[in-house]
Amino acid sequence: LTIDNNLSLCDKSLESTMSERNKRKYHSKRDKEEEKEVEEQEESSAEESDDQNQDDEEPPSKKNRGNVIASEEMPTVTLDTGVGPKSSSKKQPIIVLLDLATLETVKNKRGVYELLNCDDHREICKRKLKKDPNAYRPDILHQEMLALQDSPLNKAGLLKIYVATQKKVLIDIHAATRIPRTYKRFAGLMVQLLHKMKIKAGQDHTTLLKVIKNPFSQYLPAGTRCFGMSCEGTLYSPISLASSLLPSDYSNAPPTCFVVGAMSTGHILLEDHPYIEKMISISEYPLSGASALSRIMTGIEHHWGIV
């Protein structure tokens, strides 16, 4: 009897220990499963957040890509209140055509349109376009437009500006347009213009820049004399150029047009502008377009007494 009792007690103790071990295993297994579920939930939430970040970084859809420009903040252009009242009361006697400007848009890896230039898109010019990157210099046009905008002749309202690109896009610039000073904002403005075909002022919705139809000759008033600028043309000093081409009083001056290149290399060709009667030069040295325009404007201002 004592042996049987001892065996029964051993069996009970074994059962109790086995049950405790099973309980521990069960609880540990359950804890591991709960920990695994928590880890899976955390991983799924992390993956969802990564997907959202990737969606934010992905380029926009094809339907919305056409409206994306170079900068997130839309560039703006304003009216220049310093332009004199002569611009609204009378036609501008001096017309300047900035010819062969390199204004083209290109889409970057983020699906954003930018103004094609030799600094930021050198590999695109070489591999995709198969062209010399140094030919794409929209900064030359920016410098020339600033030189004309800052001239007292423009402030007096006696200057009219047009731009013609190498892709035969003709742009009309309002006399009171204030061009952005920085190249980045200028590039964004040009991209916006090429996509929307016009730019309006924020105050009174006046159209300041717009794409117009070719040819350029239809916008020249009757009796306009046209001259092309080239380092191989007839040499004039700024004052002698103004005195030989223009009368002493600008109120009776017939319209006079100057065609100036806005490209890095090359010349203005008479074949492209048959209305040009003479090629002229403003210096015996090669000058940048902005410097040549400044000399021309200075000579005309001196001749007409505009200070």
C-alpha atoms as a PDB file:
ATOM      1  CA  LEU A   1       0.000   0.000   0.000  1.00  0.00           C
ATOM      2  CA  THR A   2       2.728   2.399   0.821  1.00  0.00           C
ATOM      3  CA  ILE A   3       4.376   1.678  -2.527  1.00  0.00           C
ATOM      4  CA  ASP A   4       1.098   2.281  -4.368  1.00  0.00           C
ATOM      5  CA  ASN A   5       0.522   5.484  -2.487  1.00  0.00           C
ATOM      6  CA  ASN A   6       3.991   6.667  -3.286  1.00  0.00           C
ATOM      7  CA  LEU A   7       3.518   5.869  -6.983  1.00  0.00           C
ATOM      8  CA  SER A   8       0.239   7.739  -7.062  1.00  0.00           C
ATOM      9  CA  LEU A   9       1.847  10.716  -5.399  1.00  0.00           C
ATOM     10  CA  CYS A  10       4.678  10.624  -7.959  1.00  0.00           C
ATOM     11  CA  ASP A  11       2.200  10.422 -10.790  1.00  0.00           C
ATOM     12  CA  LYS A  12       0.317  13.407  -9.444  1.00  0.00           C
ATOM     13  CA  SER A  13       3.499  15.401  -9.005  1.00  0.00           C
ATOM     14  CA  LEU A  14       4.566  14.511 -12.541  1.00  0.00           C
ATOM     15  CA  GLU A  15       1.182  15.532 -13.884  1.00  0.00           C
ATOM     16  CA  SER A  16       1.342  18.811 -12.034  1.00  0.00           C
ATOM     17  CA  THR A  17       4.863  19.546 -13.273  1.00  0.00           C
ATOM     18  CA  MET A  18       3.897  18.567 -16.848  1.00  0.00           C
ATOM     19  CA  SER A  19       0.829  20.753 -16.698  1.00  0.00           C
ATOM     20  CA  GLU A  20       2.928  23.666 -15.434  1.00  0.00           C
ATOM     21  CA  ARG A  21       5.450  23.112 -18.228  1.00  0.00           C
ATOM     22  CA  ASN A  22       2.666  22.902 -20.814  1.00  0.00           C
ATOM     23  CA  LYS A  23       1.148  26.064 -19.435  1.00  0.00           C
ATOM     24  CA  ARG A  24       4.507  27.817 -19.631  1.00  0.00           C
ATOM     25  CA  LYS A  25       5.049  26.582 -23.198  1.00  0.00           C
ATOM     26  CA  TYR A  26       1.540  27.657 -24.126  1.00  0.00           C
ATOM     27  CA  HIS A  27       1.944  31.072 -22.614  1.00  0.00           C
ATOM     28  CA  SER A  28       5.412  31.528 -24.116  1.00  0.00           C
ATOM     29  CA  LYS A  29       4.100  30.411 -27.506  1.00  0.00           C
ATOM     30  CA  ARG A  30       1.180  32.796 -27.204  1.00  0.00           C
ATOM     31  CA  ASP A  31       3.492  35.635 -26.194  1.00  0.00           C
ATOM     32  CA  LYS A  32       5.701  34.926 -29.191  1.00  0.00           C
ATOM     33  CA  GLU A  33       2.680  34.926 -31.512  1.00  0.00           C
ATOM     34  CA  GLU A  34       1.503  38.228 -30.057  1.00  0.00           C
ATOM     35  CA  GLU A  35       4.964  39.703 -30.454  1.00  0.00           C
ATOM     36  CA  LYS A  36       5.067  38.460 -34.035  1.00  0.00           C
ATOM     37  CA  GLU A  37       1.668  40.018 -34.772  1.00  0.00           C
ATOM     38  CA  VAL A  38       2.845  43.338 -33.318  1.00  0.00           C
ATOM     39  CA  GLU A  39       5.998  43.213 -35.428  1.00  0.00           C
ATOM     40  CA  GLU A  40       3.980  42.443 -38.566  1.00  0.00           C
ATOM     41  CA  GLN A  41       1.643  45.346 -37.843  1.00  0.00           C
ATOM     42  CA  GLU A  42       4.601  47.683 -37.366  1.00  0.00           C
ATOM     43  CA  GLU A  43       6.193  46.463 -40.614  1.00  0.00           C
ATOM     44  CA  SER A  44       2.946  46.912 -42.542  1.00  0.00           C
ATOM     45  CA  SER A  45       2.503  50.444 -41.193  1.00  0.00           C
ATOM     46  CA  ALA A  46       6.108  51.262 -42.103  1.00  0.00           C
ATOM     47  CA  GLU A  47       5.577  49.903 -45.613  1.00  0.00           C
ATOM     48  CA  GLU A  48       2.424  52.006 -45.996  1.00  0.00           C
ATOM     49  CA  SER A  49       4.288  55.148 -44.939  1.00  0.00           C
ATOM     50  CA  ASP A  50       7.111  54.322 -47.388  1.00  0.00           C
ATOM     51  CA  ASP A  51       4.555  53.831 -50.166  1.00  0.00           C
ATOM     52  CA  GLN A  52       3.016  57.204 -49.363  1.00  0.00           C
ATOM     53  CA  ASN A  53       6.438  58.866 -49.463  1.00  0.00           C
ATOM     54  CA  GLN A  54       7.182  57.195 -52.788  1.00  0.00           C
ATOM     55  CA  ASP A  55       3.852  58.364 -54.141  1.00  0.00           C
ATOM     56  CA  ASP A  56       4.719  61.901 -53.090  1.00  0.00           C
ATOM     57  CA  GLU A  57       8.113  61.676 -54.809  1.00  0.00           C
ATOM     58  CA  GLU A  58       6.802  60.054 -58.003  1.00  0.00           C
ATOM     59  CA  PRO A  59       6.279  62.357 -60.995  1.00  0.00           C
ATOM     60  CA  PRO A  60       2.726  63.463 -61.699  1.00  0.00           C
ATOM     61  CA  SER A  61       0.478  61.591 -64.079  1.00  0.00           C
ATOM     62  CA  LYS A  62       0.516  62.250 -67.779  1.00  0.00           C
ATOM     63  CA  LYS A  63      -2.637  64.342 -67.545  1.00  0.00           C
ATOM     64  CA  ASN A  64      -1.114  66.696 -64.974  1.00  0.00           C
ATOM     65  CA  ARG A  65       2.459  66.844 -66.264  1.00  0.00           C
ATOM     66  CA  GLY A  66       1.698  69.545 -68.806  1.00  0.00           C
ATOM     67  CA  ASN A  67       0.978  72.097 -66.101  1.00  0.00           C
ATOM     68  CA  VAL A  68       4.181  71.509 -64.108  1.00  0.00           C
ATOM     69  CA  ILE A  69       6.832  74.212 -64.482  1.00  0.00           C
ATOM     70  CA  ALA A  70      10.345  74.711 -63.261  1.00  0.00           C
ATOM     71  CA  SER A  71       9.567  76.024 -59.781  1.00  0.00           C
ATOM     72  CA  GLU A  72       6.888  75.142 -57.243  1.00  0.00           C
ATOM     73  CA  GLU A  73       6.171  78.811 -56.727  1.00  0.00           C
ATOM     74  CA  MET A  74       4.662  80.278 -59.879  1.00  0.00           C
ATOM     75  CA  PRO A  75       6.910  83.064 -61.195  1.00  0.00           C
ATOM     76  CA  THR A  76       5.210  86.405 -61.527  1.00  0.00           C
ATOM     77  CA  VAL A  77       5.827  89.475 -63.665  1.00  0.00           C
ATOM     78  CA  THR A  78       4.593  92.950 -62.816  1.00  0.00           C
ATOM     79  CA  LEU A  79       4.035  96.297 -64.472  1.00  0.00           C
ATOM     80  CA  ASP A  80       6.842  98.842 -64.320  1.00  0.00           C
ATOM     81  CA  THR A  81       5.280 102.042 -62.994  1.00  0.00           C
ATOM     82  CA  GLY A  82       8.416 103.979 -63.976  1.00  0.00           C
ATOM     83  CA  VAL A  83       7.579 103.871 -67.694  1.00  0.00           C
ATOM     84  CA  GLY A  84       6.634 107.333 -68.901  1.00  0.00           C
ATOM     85  CA  PRO A  85       3.218 108.338 -70.246  1.00  0.00           C
ATOM     86  CA  LYS A  86       4.622 108.524 -73.794  1.00  0.00           C
ATOM     87  CA  SER A  87       4.257 104.743 -74.084  1.00  0.00           C
ATOM     88  CA  SER A  88       0.483 104.951 -73.917  1.00  0.00           C
ATOM     89  CA  SER A  89       0.027 108.150 -75.923  1.00  0.00           C
ATOM     90  CA  LYS A  90       2.233 107.333 -78.870  1.00  0.00           C
ATOM     91  CA  LYS A  91       3.842 104.476 -80.790  1.00  0.00           C
ATOM     92  CA  GLN A  92       7.379 103.613 -79.798  1.00  0.00           C
ATOM     93  CA  PRO A  93       9.810 104.940 -82.460  1.00  0.00           C
ATOM     94  CA  ILE A  94      12.561 102.424 -81.557  1.00  0.00           C
ATOM     95  CA  ILE A  95      11.861  98.704 -82.095  1.00  0.00           C
ATOM     96  CA  VAL A  96      14.303  95.960 -81.091  1.00  0.00           C
ATOM     97  CA  LEU A  97      14.040  92.334 -82.216  1.00  0.00           C
ATOM     98  CA  LEU A  98      16.111  89.884 -80.164  1.00  0.00           C
ATOM     99  CA  ASP A  99      16.567  87.144 -82.745  1.00  0.00           C
ATOM    100  CA  LEU A 100      17.555  83.453 -82.560  1.00  0.00           C
ATOM    101  CA  ALA A 101      17.035  83.123 -78.808  1.00  0.00           C
ATOM    102  CA  THR A 102      17.339  79.591 -77.421  1.00  0.00           C
ATOM    103  CA  LEU A 103      14.104  79.083 -75.521  1.00  0.00           C
ATOM    104  CA  GLU A 104      13.182  75.402 -75.273  1.00  0.00           C
ATOM    105  CA  THR A 105      11.638  73.373 -72.471  1.00  0.00           C
ATOM    106  CA  VAL A 106      12.768  69.957 -71.290  1.00  0.00           C
ATOM    107  CA  LYS A 107      11.320  67.521 -68.744  1.00  0.00           C
ATOM    108  CA  ASN A 108      13.620  66.389 -65.945  1.00  0.00           C
ATOM    109  CA  LYS A 109      13.571  63.070 -64.046  1.00  0.00           C
ATOM    110  CA  ARG A 110      10.933  64.363 -61.622  1.00  0.00           C
ATOM    111  CA  GLY A 111       8.574  65.203 -64.462  1.00  0.00           C
ATOM    112  CA  VAL A 112       9.086  68.950 -64.054  1.00  0.00           C
ATOM    113  CA  TYR A 113       9.569  71.181 -67.088  1.00  0.00           C
ATOM    114  CA  GLU A 114      12.662  73.372 -67.100  1.00  0.00           C
ATOM    115  CA  LEU A 115      14.264  75.812 -69.502  1.00  0.00           C
ATOM    116  CA  LEU A 116      16.935  73.967 -71.484  1.00  0.00           C
ATOM    117  CA  ASN A 117      20.402  75.361 -70.761  1.00  0.00           C
ATOM    118  CA  CYS A 118      24.015  74.266 -71.075  1.00  0.00           C
ATOM    119  CA  ASP A 119      24.690  74.148 -67.327  1.00  0.00           C
ATOM    120  CA  ASP A 120      21.856  71.928 -66.083  1.00  0.00           C
ATOM    121  CA  HIS A 121      21.156  69.775 -69.146  1.00  0.00           C
ATOM    122  CA  ARG A 122      24.539  69.086 -70.716  1.00  0.00           C
ATOM    123  CA  GLU A 123      24.010  65.309 -70.922  1.00  0.00           C
ATOM    124  CA  ILE A 124      20.528  65.717 -72.414  1.00  0.00           C
ATOM    125  CA  CYS A 125      21.938  67.975 -75.132  1.00  0.00           C
ATOM    126  CA  LYS A 126      24.684  65.487 -75.964  1.00  0.00           C
ATOM    127  CA  ARG A 127      22.855  62.152 -75.791  1.00  0.00           C
ATOM    128  CA  LYS A 128      19.214  62.918 -76.531  1.00  0.00           C
ATOM    129  CA  LEU A 129      19.316  66.017 -78.726  1.00  0.00           C
ATOM    130  CA  LYS A 130      22.733  65.283 -80.314  1.00  0.00           C
ATOM    131  CA  LYS A 131      23.597  69.001 -80.213  1.00  0.00           C
ATOM    132  CA  ASP A 132      26.297  71.172 -78.743  1.00  0.00           C
ATOM    133  CA  PRO A 133      25.315  72.112 -75.168  1.00  0.00           C
ATOM    134  CA  ASN A 134      27.090  75.476 -75.473  1.00  0.00           C
ATOM    135  CA  ALA A 135      24.483  76.572 -78.034  1.00  0.00           C
ATOM    136  CA  TYR A 136      21.726  76.611 -75.416  1.00  0.00           C
ATOM    137  CA  ARG A 137      22.264  79.946 -73.662  1.00  0.00           C
ATOM    138  CA  PRO A 138      18.919  81.482 -72.577  1.00  0.00           C
ATOM    139  CA  ASP A 139      20.880  83.594 -70.103  1.00  0.00           C
ATOM    140  CA  ILE A 140      22.021  85.747 -73.064  1.00  0.00           C
ATOM    141  CA  LEU A 141      18.404  86.710 -73.729  1.00  0.00           C
ATOM    142  CA  HIS A 142      17.928  87.448 -70.033  1.00  0.00           C
ATOM    143  CA  GLN A 143      20.926  89.806 -69.996  1.00  0.00           C
ATOM    144  CA  GLU A 144      19.772  91.612 -73.142  1.00  0.00           C
ATOM    145  CA  MET A 145      16.229  92.067 -71.865  1.00  0.00           C
ATOM    146  CA  LEU A 146      17.508  93.497 -68.593  1.00  0.00           C
ATOM    147  CA  ALA A 147      19.790  95.901 -70.492  1.00  0.00           C
ATOM    148  CA  LEU A 148      16.833  97.161 -72.530  1.00  0.00           C
ATOM    149  CA  GLN A 149      14.487  97.271 -69.559  1.00  0.00           C
ATOM    150  CA  ASP A 150      16.880  99.402 -67.501  1.00  0.00           C
ATOM    151  CA  SER A 151      17.593 101.918 -70.273  1.00  0.00           C
ATOM    152  CA  PRO A 152      16.213 105.470 -69.901  1.00  0.00           C
ATOM    153  CA  LEU A 153      14.875 105.107 -73.459  1.00  0.00           C
ATOM    154  CA  ASN A 154      12.548 102.357 -72.227  1.00  0.00           C
ATOM    155  CA  LYS A 155      11.651 104.344 -69.105  1.00  0.00           C
ATOM    156  CA  ALA A 156      10.590 107.194 -71.378  1.00  0.00           C
ATOM    157  CA  GLY A 157       8.244 104.838 -73.214  1.00  0.00           C
ATOM    158  CA  LEU A 158      10.072 105.058 -76.563  1.00  0.00           C
ATOM    159  CA  LEU A 159      11.120 101.402 -76.904  1.00  0.00           C
ATOM    160  CA  LYS A 160       9.296  98.294 -78.156  1.00  0.00           C
ATOM    161  CA  ILE A 161      10.789  94.790 -77.732  1.00  0.00           C
ATOM    162  CA  TYR A 162      10.125  91.533 -79.595  1.00  0.00           C
ATOM    163  CA  VAL A 163      11.803  88.140 -79.178  1.00  0.00           C
ATOM    164  CA  ALA A 164      12.182  85.476 -81.879  1.00  0.00           C
ATOM    165  CA  THR A 165      13.451  82.001 -80.960  1.00  0.00           C
ATOM    166  CA  GLN A 166      15.348  79.465 -83.043  1.00  0.00           C
ATOM    167  CA  LYS A 167      12.123  77.409 -83.146  1.00  0.00           C
ATOM    168  CA  LYS A 168      10.338  80.317 -84.906  1.00  0.00           C
ATOM    169  CA  VAL A 169       8.358  81.365 -81.824  1.00  0.00           C
ATOM    170  CA  LEU A 170       7.636  85.105 -81.830  1.00  0.00           C
ATOM    171  CA  ILE A 171       7.044  86.848 -78.474  1.00  0.00           C
ATOM    172  CA  ASP A 172       5.611  90.319 -77.887  1.00  0.00           C
ATOM    173  CA  ILE A 173       6.950  92.116 -74.791  1.00  0.00           C
ATOM    174  CA  HIS A 174       4.808  94.866 -73.277  1.00  0.00           C
ATOM    175  CA  ALA A 175       6.675  98.149 -72.764  1.00  0.00           C
ATOM    176  CA  ALA A 176       5.895  98.202 -69.030  1.00  0.00           C
ATOM    177  CA  THR A 177       6.983  94.612 -68.340  1.00  0.00           C
ATOM    178  CA  ARG A 178       9.341  94.171 -65.400  1.00  0.00           C
ATOM    179  CA  ILE A 179      11.524  91.138 -66.150  1.00  0.00           C
ATOM    180  CA  PRO A 180      12.724  89.111 -63.093  1.00  0.00           C
ATOM    181  CA  ARG A 181      16.278  89.947 -62.061  1.00  0.00           C
ATOM    182  CA  THR A 182      17.368  86.404 -61.206  1.00  0.00           C
ATOM    183  CA  TYR A 183      17.876  83.815 -63.928  1.00  0.00           C
ATOM    184  CA  LYS A 184      15.972  81.098 -62.036  1.00  0.00           C
ATOM    185  CA  ARG A 185      12.776  83.134 -61.917  1.00  0.00           C
ATOM    186  CA  PHE A 186      13.295  84.276 -65.505  1.00  0.00           C
ATOM    187  CA  ALA A 187      13.601  80.627 -66.622  1.00  0.00           C
ATOM    188  CA  GLY A 188      10.407  79.699 -64.791  1.00  0.00           C
ATOM    189  CA  LEU A 189       8.622  82.642 -66.403  1.00  0.00           C
ATOM    190  CA  MET A 190       9.729  81.593 -69.892  1.00  0.00           C
ATOM    191  CA  VAL A 191       8.578  78.002 -69.318  1.00  0.00           C
ATOM    192  CA  GLN A 192       5.210  79.304 -68.175  1.00  0.00           C
ATOM    193  CA  LEU A 193       5.002  81.558 -71.238  1.00  0.00           C
ATOM    194  CA  LEU A 194       5.849  78.772 -73.706  1.00  0.00           C
ATOM    195  CA  HIS A 195       3.212  76.501 -72.172  1.00  0.00           C
ATOM    196  CA  LYS A 196       0.398  79.011 -71.590  1.00  0.00           C
ATOM    197  CA  MET A 197       1.171  81.299 -74.584  1.00  0.00           C
ATOM    198  CA  LYS A 198       0.639  84.461 -72.502  1.00  0.00           C
ATOM    199  CA  ILE A 199       1.501  86.013 -69.138  1.00  0.00           C
ATOM    200  CA  LYS A 200      -0.738  88.545 -67.402  1.00  0.00           C
ATOM    201  CA  ALA A 201       0.033  91.033 -64.650  1.00  0.00           C
ATOM    202  CA  GLY A 202      -1.262  90.274 -61.208  1.00  0.00           C
ATOM    203  CA  GLN A 203      -2.763  93.712 -60.568  1.00  0.00           C
ATOM    204  CA  ASP A 204      -5.002  94.588 -63.522  1.00  0.00           C
ATOM    205  CA  HIS A 205      -4.679  91.446 -65.705  1.00  0.00           C
ATOM    206  CA  THR A 206      -2.801  93.303 -68.448  1.00  0.00           C
ATOM    207  CA  THR A 207      -1.130  90.918 -70.908  1.00  0.00           C
ATOM    208  CA  LEU A 208       2.597  91.573 -70.511  1.00  0.00           C
ATOM    209  CA  LEU A 209       4.082  88.729 -72.564  1.00  0.00           C
ATOM    210  CA  LYS A 210       2.372  86.761 -75.304  1.00  0.00           C
ATOM    211  CA  VAL A 211       3.219  84.499 -78.209  1.00  0.00           C
ATOM    212  CA  ILE A 212       2.123  86.018 -81.522  1.00  0.00           C
ATOM    213  CA  LYS A 213       1.921  84.785 -85.104  1.00  0.00           C
ATOM    214  CA  ASN A 214       4.738  85.039 -87.617  1.00  0.00           C
ATOM    215  CA  PRO A 215       6.042  86.770 -89.677  1.00  0.00           C
ATOM    216  CA  PHE A 216       7.614  89.602 -87.717  1.00  0.00           C
ATOM    217  CA  SER A 217       7.373  92.028 -90.650  1.00  0.00           C
ATOM    218  CA  GLN A 218       3.589  92.351 -90.252  1.00  0.00           C
ATOM    219  CA  TYR A 219       4.067  94.112 -86.891  1.00  0.00           C
ATOM    220  CA  LEU A 220       6.377  96.781 -88.294  1.00  0.00           C
ATOM    221  CA  PRO A 221       4.613 100.116 -88.929  1.00  0.00           C
ATOM    222  CA  ALA A 222       4.632 101.542 -92.434  1.00  0.00           C
ATOM    223  CA  GLY A 223       7.869 103.296 -93.287  1.00  0.00           C
ATOM    224  CA  THR A 224       9.976 101.445 -90.707  1.00  0.00           C
ATOM    225  CA  ARG A 225      13.706 101.297 -91.426  1.00  0.00           C
ATOM    226  CA  CYS A 226      15.390  98.064 -90.303  1.00  0.00           C
ATOM    227  CA  PHE A 227      19.055  97.509 -89.505  1.00  0.00           C
ATOM    228  CA  GLY A 228      20.828  94.328 -88.532  1.00  0.00           C
ATOM    229  CA  MET A 229      23.616  94.223 -85.964  1.00  0.00           C
ATOM    230  CA  SER A 230      26.801  92.347 -86.870  1.00  0.00           C
ATOM    231  CA  CYS A 231      30.502  92.703 -86.093  1.00  0.00           C
ATOM    232  CA  GLU A 232      31.077  92.509 -89.870  1.00  0.00           C
ATOM    233  CA  GLY A 233      28.722  95.426 -90.647  1.00  0.00           C
ATOM    234  CA  THR A 234      29.487  99.090 -91.278  1.00  0.00           C
ATOM    235  CA  LEU A 235      31.209 100.553 -88.228  1.00  0.00           C
ATOM    236  CA  TYR A 236      29.548 103.429 -86.337  1.00  0.00           C
ATOM    237  CA  SER A 237      30.140 105.042 -83.004  1.00  0.00           C
ATOM    238  CA  PRO A 238      27.015 105.182 -80.789  1.00  0.00           C
ATOM    239  CA  ILE A 239      26.518 108.940 -81.280  1.00  0.00           C
ATOM    240  CA  SER A 240      27.227 108.912 -85.021  1.00  0.00           C
ATOM    241  CA  LEU A 241      24.839 105.981 -85.450  1.00  0.00           C
ATOM    242  CA  ALA A 242      21.984 107.870 -83.790  1.00  0.00           C
ATOM    243  CA  SER A 243      22.686 111.140 -85.611  1.00  0.00           C
ATOM    244  CA  SER A 244      22.894 109.467 -89.034  1.00  0.00           C
ATOM    245  CA  LEU A 245      19.787 107.293 -88.670  1.00  0.00           C
ATOM    246  CA  LEU A 246      17.426 109.362 -86.527  1.00  0.00           C
ATOM    247  CA  PRO A 247      16.105 112.959 -86.577  1.00  0.00           C
ATOM    248  CA  SER A 248      16.849 115.298 -83.700  1.00  0.00           C
ATOM    249  CA  ASP A 249      13.252 115.238 -82.412  1.00  0.00           C
ATOM    250  CA  TYR A 250      11.794 111.888 -81.397  1.00  0.00           C
ATOM    251  CA  SER A 251       8.212 113.176 -81.734  1.00  0.00           C
ATOM    252  CA  ASN A 252       8.657 113.253 -85.515  1.00  0.00           C
ATOM    253  CA  ALA A 253      10.956 110.237 -85.759  1.00  0.00           C
ATOM    254  CA  PRO A 254       9.894 107.438 -88.117  1.00  0.00           C
ATOM    255  CA  PRO A 255       9.969 103.922 -86.616  1.00  0.00           C
ATOM    256  CA  THR A 256      13.440 102.377 -86.646  1.00  0.00           C
ATOM    257  CA  CYS A 257      14.057  98.681 -85.989  1.00  0.00           C
ATOM    258  CA  PHE A 258      17.282  97.011 -84.826  1.00  0.00           C
ATOM    259  CA  VAL A 259      17.676  93.236 -85.185  1.00  0.00           C
ATOM    260  CA  VAL A 260      20.140  91.928 -82.590  1.00  0.00           C
ATOM    261  CA  GLY A 261      21.179  88.324 -82.054  1.00  0.00           C
ATOM    262  CA  ALA A 262      20.417  86.568 -78.761  1.00  0.00           C
ATOM    263  CA  MET A 263      22.511  83.450 -79.462  1.00  0.00           C
ATOM    264  CA  SER A 264      25.968  82.376 -78.304  1.00  0.00           C
ATOM    265  CA  THR A 265      27.475  81.973 -81.801  1.00  0.00           C
ATOM    266  CA  GLY A 266      26.506  82.978 -85.319  1.00  0.00           C
ATOM    267  CA  HIS A 267      25.278  86.033 -87.211  1.00  0.00           C
ATOM    268  CA  ILE A 268      22.044  87.658 -88.276  1.00  0.00           C
ATOM    269  CA  LEU A 269      21.348  86.556 -91.844  1.00  0.00           C
ATOM    270  CA  LEU A 270      19.777  88.766 -94.504  1.00  0.00           C
ATOM    271  CA  GLU A 271      18.045  85.681 -95.912  1.00  0.00           C
ATOM    272  CA  ASP A 272      15.994  85.396 -92.709  1.00  0.00           C
ATOM    273  CA  HIS A 273      15.199  89.129 -92.639  1.00  0.00           C
ATOM    274  CA  PRO A 274      14.809  90.499 -96.193  1.00  0.00           C
ATOM    275  CA  TYR A 275      13.455  93.794 -94.824  1.00  0.00           C
ATOM    276  CA  ILE A 276      16.880  94.698 -93.361  1.00  0.00           C
ATOM    277  CA  GLU A 277      18.394  97.446 -95.500  1.00  0.00           C
ATOM    278  CA  LYS A 278      21.873  97.508 -93.940  1.00  0.00           C
ATOM    279  CA  MET A 279      24.129  95.626 -91.535  1.00  0.00           C
ATOM    280  CA  ILE A 280      25.862  97.858 -88.988  1.00  0.00           C
ATOM    281  CA  SER A 281      28.400  97.465 -86.182  1.00  0.00           C
ATOM    282  CA  ILE A 282      28.712  99.457 -82.988  1.00  0.00           C
ATOM    283  CA  SER A 283      32.339  98.621 -82.136  1.00  0.00           C
ATOM    284  CA  GLU A 284      35.471  97.351 -83.814  1.00  0.00           C
ATOM    285  CA  TYR A 285      35.668  94.666 -81.117  1.00  0.00           C
ATOM    286  CA  PRO A 286      33.314  91.704 -80.598  1.00  0.00           C
ATOM    287  CA  LEU A 287      30.808  92.643 -77.906  1.00  0.00           C
ATOM    288  CA  SER A 288      28.148  90.754 -76.020  1.00  0.00           C
ATOM    289  CA  GLY A 289      24.571  91.410 -77.021  1.00  0.00           C
ATOM    290  CA  ALA A 290      23.802  93.254 -73.787  1.00  0.00           C
ATOM    291  CA  SER A 291      26.843  95.512 -74.211  1.00  0.00           C
ATOM    292  CA  ALA A 292      25.987  96.307 -77.859  1.00  0.00           C
ATOM    293  CA  LEU A 293      22.404  97.155 -76.945  1.00  0.00           C
ATOM    294  CA  SER A 294      23.558  99.408 -74.112  1.00  0.00           C
ATOM    295  CA  ARG A 295      25.792 101.347 -76.535  1.00  0.00           C
ATOM    296  CA  ILE A 296      22.957 101.726 -79.054  1.00  0.00           C
ATOM    297  CA  MET A 297      20.510 102.924 -76.389  1.00  0.00           C
ATOM    298  CA  THR A 298      23.100 105.336 -74.957  1.00  0.00           C
ATOM    299  CA  GLY A 299      23.739 106.907 -78.382  1.00  0.00           C
ATOM    300  CA  ILE A 300      20.008 107.386 -79.053  1.00  0.00           C
ATOM    301  CA  GLU A 301      19.416 108.817 -75.573  1.00  0.00           C
ATOM    302  CA  HIS A 302      22.300 111.281 -76.038  1.00  0.00           C
ATOM    303  CA  HIS A 303      20.954 112.289 -79.455  1.00  0.00           C
ATOM    304  CA  TRP A 304      17.428 112.875 -78.171  1.00  0.00           C
ATOM    305  CA  GLY A 305      18.445 114.449 -74.860  1.00  0.00           C
ATOM    306  CA  ILE A 306      16.971 111.719 -72.675  1.00  0.00           C
ATOM    307  CA  VAL A 307      18.758 111.729 -69.327  1.00  0.00           C
END
